[in-house]
Amino acid sequence: MKIKVCRVDYHDLHHATVIPLLMNLYATDPMGGGQPLPAEVLDNLVDSLAQRPYAFSFLVFVDDEAAGLVNCFESFSTFSCRPLVNIHDLIVLKPFRGLGLSQKLLQAVEKEALARECCKVTLEVLSGNEIAKSAYQKFGFAGYELDPAKGSALFWQKTL
């Protein structure tokens, strides 16, 4: 079995084809919301990512078949006065789970974050997604708190 992780070239036709496919498969999974992405999103996602200089992604292939994807965005930590990387999507397709692909994708992200002199890598995970939580903890991720008396951080959203 040949496993290859590569940085996405948003202008590469093969990459531009598999990204929406992987994203849609992820979206239809219960942990991705269980609904397919709108055609408008699928048609415009890669071009929109390519227009954002702070976006980067990695694909993982198993025997030349797209098996996973991670989409990331550079942001900024005001507390550290340094950049940070946020992992927005991390996808490993069901047939390829258990092969350590998430760890390989996380290694690629960490290497990129270090090259950018980032202070940290962040991500969000559903509290009930035990498999993902285990993979992230194995890589060294953990919840955080500034003061135990104030509680742990929560990730909230307001849809616009």
C-alpha atoms as a PDB file:
ATOM      1  CA  MET A   1       0.000   0.000   0.000  1.00  0.00           C
ATOM      2  CA  LYS A   2       1.412   3.363  -1.073  1.00  0.00           C
ATOM      3  CA  ILE A   3       0.401   6.412   1.008  1.00  0.00           C
ATOM      4  CA  LYS A   4       1.243   9.887  -0.277  1.00  0.00           C
ATOM      5  CA  VAL A   5       0.463  13.269   1.298  1.00  0.00           C
ATOM      6  CA  CYS A   6       0.766  16.287  -0.961  1.00  0.00           C
ATOM      7  CA  ARG A   7       0.126  19.973  -0.660  1.00  0.00           C
ATOM      8  CA  VAL A   8      -2.868  20.995  -2.742  1.00  0.00           C
ATOM      9  CA  ASP A   9      -2.355  23.052  -5.848  1.00  0.00           C
ATOM     10  CA  TYR A  10      -5.776  24.667  -6.264  1.00  0.00           C
ATOM     11  CA  HIS A  11      -5.028  25.148  -9.982  1.00  0.00           C
ATOM     12  CA  ASP A  12      -4.255  21.453 -10.568  1.00  0.00           C
ATOM     13  CA  LEU A  13      -7.218  19.831 -12.335  1.00  0.00           C
ATOM     14  CA  HIS A  14      -6.969  16.561 -10.403  1.00  0.00           C
ATOM     15  CA  HIS A  15      -6.818  18.345  -7.037  1.00  0.00           C
ATOM     16  CA  ALA A  16      -9.628  20.681  -8.070  1.00  0.00           C
ATOM     17  CA  THR A  17     -11.761  17.664  -8.935  1.00  0.00           C
ATOM     18  CA  VAL A  18     -11.227  15.598  -5.776  1.00  0.00           C
ATOM     19  CA  ILE A  19     -11.598  18.421  -3.234  1.00  0.00           C
ATOM     20  CA  PRO A  20     -15.346  18.984  -3.834  1.00  0.00           C
ATOM     21  CA  LEU A  21     -15.877  15.221  -4.001  1.00  0.00           C
ATOM     22  CA  LEU A  22     -14.203  14.668  -0.631  1.00  0.00           C
ATOM     23  CA  MET A  23     -15.962  17.681   0.912  1.00  0.00           C
ATOM     24  CA  ASN A  24     -19.356  16.429  -0.249  1.00  0.00           C
ATOM     25  CA  LEU A  25     -18.727  12.930   1.085  1.00  0.00           C
ATOM     26  CA  TYR A  26     -17.710  14.489   4.406  1.00  0.00           C
ATOM     27  CA  ALA A  27     -20.820  16.709   4.472  1.00  0.00           C
ATOM     28  CA  THR A  28     -23.118  13.726   3.928  1.00  0.00           C
ATOM     29  CA  ASP A  29     -21.536  11.828   6.831  1.00  0.00           C
ATOM     30  CA  PRO A  30     -23.424  12.252  10.138  1.00  0.00           C
ATOM     31  CA  MET A  31     -20.341  13.993  11.605  1.00  0.00           C
ATOM     32  CA  GLY A  32     -20.442  16.462   8.708  1.00  0.00           C
ATOM     33  CA  GLY A  33     -24.117  17.292   9.099  1.00  0.00           C
ATOM     34  CA  GLY A  34     -25.630  14.502   6.992  1.00  0.00           C
ATOM     35  CA  GLN A  35     -26.569  16.743   4.049  1.00  0.00           C
ATOM     36  CA  PRO A  36     -24.866  17.196   0.666  1.00  0.00           C
ATOM     37  CA  LEU A  37     -23.289  20.550  -0.067  1.00  0.00           C
ATOM     38  CA  PRO A  38     -25.172  22.885  -2.415  1.00  0.00           C
ATOM     39  CA  ALA A  39     -24.072  22.778  -6.058  1.00  0.00           C
ATOM     40  CA  GLU A  40     -22.958  26.410  -5.783  1.00  0.00           C
ATOM     41  CA  VAL A  41     -20.506  25.470  -3.018  1.00  0.00           C
ATOM     42  CA  LEU A  42     -19.176  22.466  -4.903  1.00  0.00           C
ATOM     43  CA  ASP A  43     -18.749  24.503  -8.099  1.00  0.00           C
ATOM     44  CA  ASN A  44     -16.966  27.448  -6.451  1.00  0.00           C
ATOM     45  CA  LEU A  45     -15.083  26.013  -3.478  1.00  0.00           C
ATOM     46  CA  VAL A  46     -11.679  25.421  -5.052  1.00  0.00           C
ATOM     47  CA  ASP A  47     -11.601  28.776  -6.878  1.00  0.00           C
ATOM     48  CA  SER A  48     -12.610  30.525  -3.670  1.00  0.00           C
ATOM     49  CA  LEU A  49      -9.859  28.780  -1.707  1.00  0.00           C
ATOM     50  CA  ALA A  50      -7.336  29.703  -4.405  1.00  0.00           C
ATOM     51  CA  GLN A  51      -8.238  33.384  -3.996  1.00  0.00           C
ATOM     52  CA  ARG A  52      -7.325  33.343  -0.313  1.00  0.00           C
ATOM     53  CA  PRO A  53      -3.566  33.583   0.277  1.00  0.00           C
ATOM     54  CA  TYR A  54      -4.013  32.437   3.881  1.00  0.00           C
ATOM     55  CA  ALA A  55      -5.708  29.152   2.823  1.00  0.00           C
ATOM     56  CA  PHE A  56      -3.831  25.914   2.268  1.00  0.00           C
ATOM     57  CA  SER A  57      -4.782  22.268   2.025  1.00  0.00           C
ATOM     58  CA  PHE A  58      -3.230  18.809   1.912  1.00  0.00           C
ATOM     59  CA  LEU A  59      -4.538  15.669   0.237  1.00  0.00           C
ATOM     60  CA  VAL A  60      -3.658  12.113   1.143  1.00  0.00           C
ATOM     61  CA  PHE A  61      -3.763   9.371  -1.472  1.00  0.00           C
ATOM     62  CA  VAL A  62      -3.736   5.615  -0.919  1.00  0.00           C
ATOM     63  CA  ASP A  63      -2.553   3.751  -3.991  1.00  0.00           C
ATOM     64  CA  ASP A  64      -3.302   6.902  -6.023  1.00  0.00           C
ATOM     65  CA  GLU A  65      -6.901   7.098  -4.755  1.00  0.00           C
ATOM     66  CA  ALA A  66      -7.939  10.266  -2.886  1.00  0.00           C
ATOM     67  CA  ALA A  67      -8.517   9.164   0.710  1.00  0.00           C
ATOM     68  CA  GLY A  68      -8.440  12.351   2.777  1.00  0.00           C
ATOM     69  CA  LEU A  69      -8.173  16.118   2.889  1.00  0.00           C
ATOM     70  CA  VAL A  70      -7.353  18.843   5.361  1.00  0.00           C
ATOM     71  CA  ASN A  71      -8.265  22.504   4.736  1.00  0.00           C
ATOM     72  CA  CYS A  72      -6.478  25.112   6.826  1.00  0.00           C
ATOM     73  CA  PHE A  73      -6.388  28.865   7.272  1.00  0.00           C
ATOM     74  CA  GLU A  74      -3.682  31.036   8.747  1.00  0.00           C
ATOM     75  CA  SER A  75      -4.964  33.451  11.344  1.00  0.00           C
ATOM     76  CA  PHE A  76      -3.369  35.507  14.109  1.00  0.00           C
ATOM     77  CA  SER A  77      -3.013  35.134  17.865  1.00  0.00           C
ATOM     78  CA  THR A  78      -3.194  38.500  19.614  1.00  0.00           C
ATOM     79  CA  PHE A  79      -2.052  36.894  22.892  1.00  0.00           C
ATOM     80  CA  SER A  80       1.131  35.588  21.239  1.00  0.00           C
ATOM     81  CA  CYS A  81       1.475  38.244  18.514  1.00  0.00           C
ATOM     82  CA  ARG A  82       2.195  35.438  16.057  1.00  0.00           C
ATOM     83  CA  PRO A  83       0.303  33.616  13.359  1.00  0.00           C
ATOM     84  CA  LEU A  84      -1.644  30.445  14.041  1.00  0.00           C
ATOM     85  CA  VAL A  85      -3.162  27.778  11.810  1.00  0.00           C
ATOM     86  CA  ASN A  86      -6.775  26.706  12.126  1.00  0.00           C
ATOM     87  CA  ILE A  87      -7.757  23.338  10.725  1.00  0.00           C
ATOM     88  CA  HIS A  88     -11.209  23.911   9.305  1.00  0.00           C
ATOM     89  CA  ASP A  89     -11.856  20.481   7.771  1.00  0.00           C
ATOM     90  CA  LEU A  90     -10.098  17.179   8.298  1.00  0.00           C
ATOM     91  CA  ILE A  91     -11.547  14.335   6.271  1.00  0.00           C
ATOM     92  CA  VAL A  92     -10.596  10.681   5.996  1.00  0.00           C
ATOM     93  CA  LEU A  93     -13.023   8.619   3.938  1.00  0.00           C
ATOM     94  CA  LYS A  94     -14.541   5.596   5.693  1.00  0.00           C
ATOM     95  CA  PRO A  95     -12.805   2.901   3.585  1.00  0.00           C
ATOM     96  CA  PHE A  96      -9.411   4.383   4.577  1.00  0.00           C
ATOM     97  CA  ARG A  97      -9.956   4.917   8.301  1.00  0.00           C
ATOM     98  CA  GLY A  98      -7.618   3.059  10.624  1.00  0.00           C
ATOM     99  CA  LEU A  99      -4.571   3.550   8.374  1.00  0.00           C
ATOM    100  CA  GLY A 100      -3.142   6.509  10.304  1.00  0.00           C
ATOM    101  CA  LEU A 101      -4.029   8.978   7.549  1.00  0.00           C
ATOM    102  CA  SER A 102      -5.292  11.649   9.945  1.00  0.00           C
ATOM    103  CA  GLN A 103      -1.913  11.559  11.705  1.00  0.00           C
ATOM    104  CA  LYS A 104      -0.115  12.001   8.374  1.00  0.00           C
ATOM    105  CA  LEU A 105      -2.338  14.968   7.488  1.00  0.00           C
ATOM    106  CA  LEU A 106      -1.790  16.504  10.924  1.00  0.00           C
ATOM    107  CA  GLN A 107       1.979  16.054  10.532  1.00  0.00           C
ATOM    108  CA  ALA A 108       1.843  17.946   7.221  1.00  0.00           C
ATOM    109  CA  VAL A 109      -0.155  20.766   8.832  1.00  0.00           C
ATOM    110  CA  GLU A 110       2.220  20.974  11.788  1.00  0.00           C
ATOM    111  CA  LYS A 111       5.228  21.136   9.483  1.00  0.00           C
ATOM    112  CA  GLU A 112       3.599  23.988   7.539  1.00  0.00           C
ATOM    113  CA  ALA A 113       2.658  25.795  10.762  1.00  0.00           C
ATOM    114  CA  LEU A 114       6.248  25.571  11.992  1.00  0.00           C
ATOM    115  CA  ALA A 115       7.509  26.902   8.649  1.00  0.00           C
ATOM    116  CA  ARG A 116       5.148  29.858   9.077  1.00  0.00           C
ATOM    117  CA  GLU A 117       6.447  30.362  12.639  1.00  0.00           C
ATOM    118  CA  CYS A 118       2.981  29.830  14.086  1.00  0.00           C
ATOM    119  CA  CYS A 119       2.403  29.662  17.821  1.00  0.00           C
ATOM    120  CA  LYS A 120      -0.255  26.956  17.620  1.00  0.00           C
ATOM    121  CA  VAL A 121      -2.631  24.886  15.526  1.00  0.00           C
ATOM    122  CA  THR A 122      -6.321  24.949  16.402  1.00  0.00           C
ATOM    123  CA  LEU A 123      -9.339  22.908  15.364  1.00  0.00           C
ATOM    124  CA  GLU A 124     -12.894  22.179  16.384  1.00  0.00           C
ATOM    125  CA  VAL A 125     -14.417  18.765  16.928  1.00  0.00           C
ATOM    126  CA  LEU A 126     -17.916  17.644  17.831  1.00  0.00           C
ATOM    127  CA  SER A 127     -18.107  16.465  21.429  1.00  0.00           C
ATOM    128  CA  GLY A 128     -19.642  13.170  20.305  1.00  0.00           C
ATOM    129  CA  ASN A 129     -17.053  12.414  17.623  1.00  0.00           C
ATOM    130  CA  GLU A 130     -14.996  10.051  19.759  1.00  0.00           C
ATOM    131  CA  ILE A 131     -12.934   8.682  16.864  1.00  0.00           C
ATOM    132  CA  ALA A 132     -11.793  12.149  15.775  1.00  0.00           C
ATOM    133  CA  LYS A 133     -11.204  13.269  19.354  1.00  0.00           C
ATOM    134  CA  SER A 134      -9.012  10.218  19.917  1.00  0.00           C
ATOM    135  CA  ALA A 135      -7.008  10.934  16.750  1.00  0.00           C
ATOM    136  CA  TYR A 136      -6.500  14.569  17.746  1.00  0.00           C
ATOM    137  CA  GLN A 137      -5.525  13.679  21.319  1.00  0.00           C
ATOM    138  CA  LYS A 138      -3.070  11.096  19.988  1.00  0.00           C
ATOM    139  CA  PHE A 139      -1.426  13.922  18.025  1.00  0.00           C
ATOM    140  CA  GLY A 140      -1.269  16.159  21.114  1.00  0.00           C
ATOM    141  CA  PHE A 141      -4.400  18.316  20.831  1.00  0.00           C
ATOM    142  CA  ALA A 142      -6.379  19.081  23.977  1.00  0.00           C
ATOM    143  CA  GLY A 143      -9.060  21.444  25.166  1.00  0.00           C
ATOM    144  CA  TYR A 144      -7.822  24.582  26.810  1.00  0.00           C
ATOM    145  CA  GLU A 145      -8.624  26.957  29.591  1.00  0.00           C
ATOM    146  CA  LEU A 146      -6.945  30.144  30.718  1.00  0.00           C
ATOM    147  CA  ASP A 147      -8.081  29.769  34.319  1.00  0.00           C
ATOM    148  CA  PRO A 148      -9.591  26.508  35.608  1.00  0.00           C
ATOM    149  CA  ALA A 149     -12.063  28.517  37.702  1.00  0.00           C
ATOM    150  CA  LYS A 150     -13.427  30.115  34.522  1.00  0.00           C
ATOM    151  CA  GLY A 151     -13.882  26.827  32.643  1.00  0.00           C
ATOM    152  CA  SER A 152     -12.752  25.521  29.284  1.00  0.00           C
ATOM    153  CA  ALA A 153     -13.023  27.270  25.947  1.00  0.00           C
ATOM    154  CA  LEU A 154     -16.106  26.721  23.801  1.00  0.00           C
ATOM    155  CA  PHE A 155     -16.436  27.155  20.050  1.00  0.00           C
ATOM    156  CA  TRP A 156     -19.678  28.912  19.159  1.00  0.00           C
ATOM    157  CA  GLN A 157     -21.159  30.205  15.937  1.00  0.00           C
ATOM    158  CA  LYS A 158     -23.781  32.619  14.659  1.00  0.00           C
ATOM    159  CA  THR A 159     -24.951  31.839  11.149  1.00  0.00           C
ATOM    160  CA  LEU A 160     -25.308  34.872   8.898  1.00  0.00           C
END
